[in-house]
């Protein structure tokens, strides 16, 4: 089983060519749907050759997977970076949630397309997607669990439940967030963090 696309193996950054192809794929998947979009249409929209596309992606579902994988890889790196800062428990939770909202909002079109079309992934891709989600969830849960054990956060709400609620809200963001809305991603992230931290108050 190949857990990631050829483009994602061994590094976290996408090349300009990969980003160009993915932007075209996102636009077409949003307009026409995954099934109705052909590889040729993606190639034409990205203004690349089929050889260039297949150099980075083995198949069309690799494009769909990479739309999500590139985002979660970046968010996972940010999560590790925030934890390494060794902030207080409350500041760590706040920084994680603000980052999660800001990064999801910055790529809301990709997140919306993936949320709508992810059931089209094959079994291997779906397993890799779930593994990515699980790693983020478990790392975040450990942050809260350790803080609860140390008495920095309250224990009325279990760590797993707090993370499920927080990530559930953020995962729904592509269905309701609008870039021209009344609140900035930073403000939304702070409000979500305030809500979670209120439930976890010692």
Protein backbone atom coordinates (compact mmCIF):
# COMPACT_ATOMS: atom_id res chain seq x y z
CA UNK A 1 0.00 0.00 0.00
CA UNK A 2 1.32 3.43 -0.93
CA UNK A 3 0.37 5.77 1.90
CA UNK A 4 1.05 9.09 0.18
CA UNK A 5 1.20 10.39 -3.35
CA UNK A 6 4.44 10.40 -5.28
CA UNK A 7 4.52 14.19 -4.81
CA UNK A 8 4.41 13.94 -1.02
CA UNK A 9 7.06 11.27 -0.49
CA UNK A 10 10.00 12.47 1.55
CA UNK A 11 9.10 16.15 1.85
CA UNK A 12 6.35 18.48 2.94
CA UNK A 13 6.59 21.27 0.38
CA UNK A 14 4.89 21.15 -3.00
CA UNK A 15 6.74 22.34 -6.08
CA UNK A 16 5.26 25.26 -8.09
CA UNK A 17 4.23 22.75 -10.77
CA UNK A 18 2.43 20.53 -8.25
CA UNK A 19 0.66 23.53 -6.74
CA UNK A 20 -0.40 24.67 -10.19
CA UNK A 21 -1.85 21.27 -11.04
CA UNK A 22 -3.64 21.03 -7.69
CA UNK A 23 -5.16 24.51 -8.05
CA UNK A 24 -6.56 23.52 -11.43
CA UNK A 25 -7.90 20.25 -10.00
CA UNK A 26 -9.56 22.02 -7.06
CA UNK A 27 -11.24 24.51 -9.38
CA UNK A 28 -12.56 21.78 -11.68
CA UNK A 29 -13.60 19.43 -8.87
CA UNK A 30 -15.53 22.34 -7.32
CA UNK A 31 -17.22 23.26 -10.59
CA UNK A 32 -17.90 19.83 -12.11
CA UNK A 33 -17.34 17.26 -9.39
CA UNK A 34 -14.61 14.65 -9.15
CA UNK A 35 -16.22 12.01 -11.38
CA UNK A 36 -17.10 14.44 -14.17
CA UNK A 37 -13.60 15.96 -14.35
CA UNK A 38 -11.14 14.29 -16.72
CA UNK A 39 -7.37 14.23 -16.44
CA UNK A 40 -7.21 15.99 -19.80
CA UNK A 41 -9.31 18.86 -18.45
CA UNK A 42 -6.97 19.22 -15.48
CA UNK A 43 -3.95 19.20 -17.80
CA UNK A 44 -5.54 21.85 -20.02
CA UNK A 45 -6.57 24.05 -17.08
CA UNK A 46 -3.11 23.83 -15.50
CA UNK A 47 -1.44 24.37 -18.90
CA UNK A 48 0.90 21.42 -18.42
CA UNK A 49 1.49 18.17 -20.28
CA UNK A 50 0.08 14.84 -19.20
CA UNK A 51 3.66 13.73 -18.69
CA UNK A 52 4.17 16.53 -16.18
CA UNK A 53 1.03 15.58 -14.28
CA UNK A 54 1.92 11.89 -14.18
CA UNK A 55 5.44 12.74 -13.05
CA UNK A 56 3.93 13.85 -9.73
CA UNK A 57 0.60 12.02 -9.54
CA UNK A 58 -0.13 8.43 -10.53
CA UNK A 59 -3.89 8.85 -10.95
CA UNK A 60 -6.75 11.27 -10.53
CA UNK A 61 -7.53 10.12 -7.01
CA UNK A 62 -3.92 11.00 -6.08
CA UNK A 63 -4.86 14.61 -6.83
CA UNK A 64 -7.89 14.39 -4.55
CA UNK A 65 -5.81 12.83 -1.78
CA UNK A 66 -3.01 15.39 -2.11
CA UNK A 67 -5.50 18.27 -1.77
CA UNK A 68 -5.99 17.08 1.80
CA UNK A 69 -2.56 15.61 2.49
CA UNK A 70 -0.71 18.85 1.75
CA UNK A 71 -2.96 20.69 4.21
CA UNK A 72 -2.82 18.15 7.05
CA UNK A 73 0.96 17.80 6.64
CA UNK A 74 1.36 21.54 7.11
CA UNK A 75 -1.02 21.53 10.08
CA UNK A 76 0.81 18.60 11.67
CA UNK A 77 4.12 20.45 11.35
CA UNK A 78 2.53 23.52 12.96
CA UNK A 79 1.12 21.37 15.77
CA UNK A 80 4.56 19.92 16.53
CA UNK A 81 6.10 23.41 16.40
CA UNK A 82 3.52 24.85 18.83
CA UNK A 83 4.00 21.97 21.30
CA UNK A 84 7.77 22.47 21.16
CA UNK A 85 7.34 26.06 22.37
CA UNK A 86 6.37 24.68 25.82
CA UNK A 87 3.75 27.33 26.46
CA UNK A 88 1.22 27.03 29.27
CA UNK A 89 -1.52 24.46 28.66
CA UNK A 90 -4.14 27.12 27.92
CA UNK A 91 -1.84 29.03 25.56
CA UNK A 92 -0.91 25.80 23.79
CA UNK A 93 -4.54 24.81 23.22
CA UNK A 94 -5.35 28.34 22.06
CA UNK A 95 -2.42 28.46 19.64
CA UNK A 96 -3.31 25.04 18.21
CA UNK A 97 -6.93 25.95 17.56
CA UNK A 98 -6.20 29.40 16.13
CA UNK A 99 -3.63 27.85 13.79
CA UNK A 100 -6.04 25.12 12.76
CA UNK A 101 -8.79 27.60 11.92
CA UNK A 102 -6.44 30.00 10.12
CA UNK A 103 -4.83 27.30 7.98
CA UNK A 104 -8.17 25.69 7.12
CA UNK A 105 -9.71 29.07 6.24
CA UNK A 106 -6.73 29.98 4.05
CA UNK A 107 -7.44 26.89 1.95
CA UNK A 108 -11.17 26.65 2.42
CA UNK A 109 -11.84 25.77 -1.24
CA UNK A 110 -9.52 22.75 -1.03
CA UNK A 111 -11.06 21.70 2.28
CA UNK A 112 -14.59 22.03 0.88
CA UNK A 113 -13.78 19.98 -2.23
CA UNK A 114 -12.13 17.25 -0.19
CA UNK A 115 -14.99 17.12 2.33
CA UNK A 116 -17.48 16.71 -0.50
CA UNK A 117 -15.49 14.23 -2.59
CA UNK A 118 -13.39 12.20 -0.12
CA UNK A 119 -15.75 9.21 -0.35
CA UNK A 120 -14.36 8.75 -3.89
CA UNK A 121 -10.94 7.78 -2.52
CA UNK A 122 -9.89 4.17 -2.91
CA UNK A 123 -9.32 1.99 0.15
CA UNK A 124 -5.58 2.71 0.38
CA UNK A 125 -6.07 6.47 0.15
CA UNK A 126 -8.91 6.40 2.68
CA UNK A 127 -6.73 4.45 5.11
CA UNK A 128 -3.93 7.02 4.70
CA UNK A 129 -6.41 9.87 5.21
CA UNK A 130 -7.68 8.30 8.43
CA UNK A 131 -4.13 7.72 9.66
CA UNK A 132 -3.31 11.41 9.13
CA UNK A 133 -6.43 12.49 11.00
CA UNK A 134 -5.76 10.01 13.80
CA UNK A 135 -2.19 11.22 14.32
CA UNK A 136 -3.33 14.84 14.63
CA UNK A 137 -6.17 13.88 16.98
CA UNK A 138 -3.97 11.75 19.22
CA UNK A 139 -1.19 14.35 19.44
CA UNK A 140 -3.68 17.07 20.39
CA UNK A 141 -5.39 14.75 22.87
CA UNK A 142 -2.06 14.02 24.57
CA UNK A 143 -1.50 17.76 25.08
CA UNK A 144 -4.80 18.07 26.95
CA UNK A 145 -4.42 14.75 28.77
CA UNK A 146 -0.99 15.72 30.14
CA UNK A 147 -2.29 19.12 31.23
CA UNK A 148 -5.21 17.48 33.02
CA UNK A 149 -2.89 15.05 34.78
CA UNK A 150 -0.72 17.97 35.89
CA UNK A 151 -3.75 19.88 37.16
CA UNK A 152 -3.38 22.68 34.61
CA UNK A 153 -6.75 21.90 33.01
CA UNK A 154 -9.94 20.56 34.53
CA UNK A 155 -11.01 16.94 34.14
CA UNK A 156 -14.80 17.25 33.93
CA UNK A 157 -14.57 16.97 30.15
CA UNK A 158 -12.30 14.07 29.05
CA UNK A 159 -9.43 15.03 26.74
CA UNK A 160 -10.76 12.85 23.93
CA UNK A 161 -14.19 14.50 24.08
CA UNK A 162 -12.70 18.01 24.10
CA UNK A 163 -10.63 17.22 21.00
CA UNK A 164 -13.57 15.59 19.19
CA UNK A 165 -15.70 18.69 19.79
CA UNK A 166 -12.96 21.14 18.80
CA UNK A 167 -11.93 19.29 15.65
CA UNK A 168 -15.55 18.61 14.76
CA UNK A 169 -16.25 22.35 14.68
CA UNK A 170 -13.18 23.05 12.56
CA UNK A 171 -13.94 20.17 10.19
CA UNK A 172 -17.33 21.77 9.49
CA UNK A 173 -15.72 25.13 8.73
CA UNK A 174 -15.68 24.59 4.92
CA UNK A 175 -19.49 24.34 4.97
CA UNK A 176 -20.10 27.74 6.59
CA UNK A 177 -16.97 29.90 6.51
CA UNK A 178 -16.85 32.78 4.03
CA UNK A 179 -13.68 34.86 3.51
CA UNK A 180 -15.82 38.03 3.32
CA UNK A 181 -17.70 37.19 6.51
CA UNK A 182 -17.83 39.44 9.60
CA UNK A 183 -15.14 37.57 11.56
CA UNK A 184 -11.52 36.91 10.69
CA UNK A 185 -10.06 33.39 10.98
CA UNK A 186 -7.98 34.59 13.95
CA UNK A 187 -11.12 35.82 15.73
CA UNK A 188 -13.02 32.62 14.99
CA UNK A 189 -10.10 30.51 16.20
CA UNK A 190 -9.88 32.51 19.40
CA UNK A 191 -13.61 32.15 20.07
CA UNK A 192 -13.50 28.39 19.47
CA UNK A 193 -10.48 28.15 21.78
CA UNK A 194 -12.30 30.19 24.44
CA UNK A 195 -15.21 27.78 24.25
CA UNK A 196 -12.99 24.71 24.60
CA UNK A 197 -10.92 26.23 27.39
CA UNK A 198 -14.05 27.23 29.30
CA UNK A 199 -15.07 23.56 29.29
CA UNK A 200 -11.58 22.60 30.43
CA UNK A 201 -11.23 25.21 33.16
CA UNK A 202 -9.61 23.76 36.26
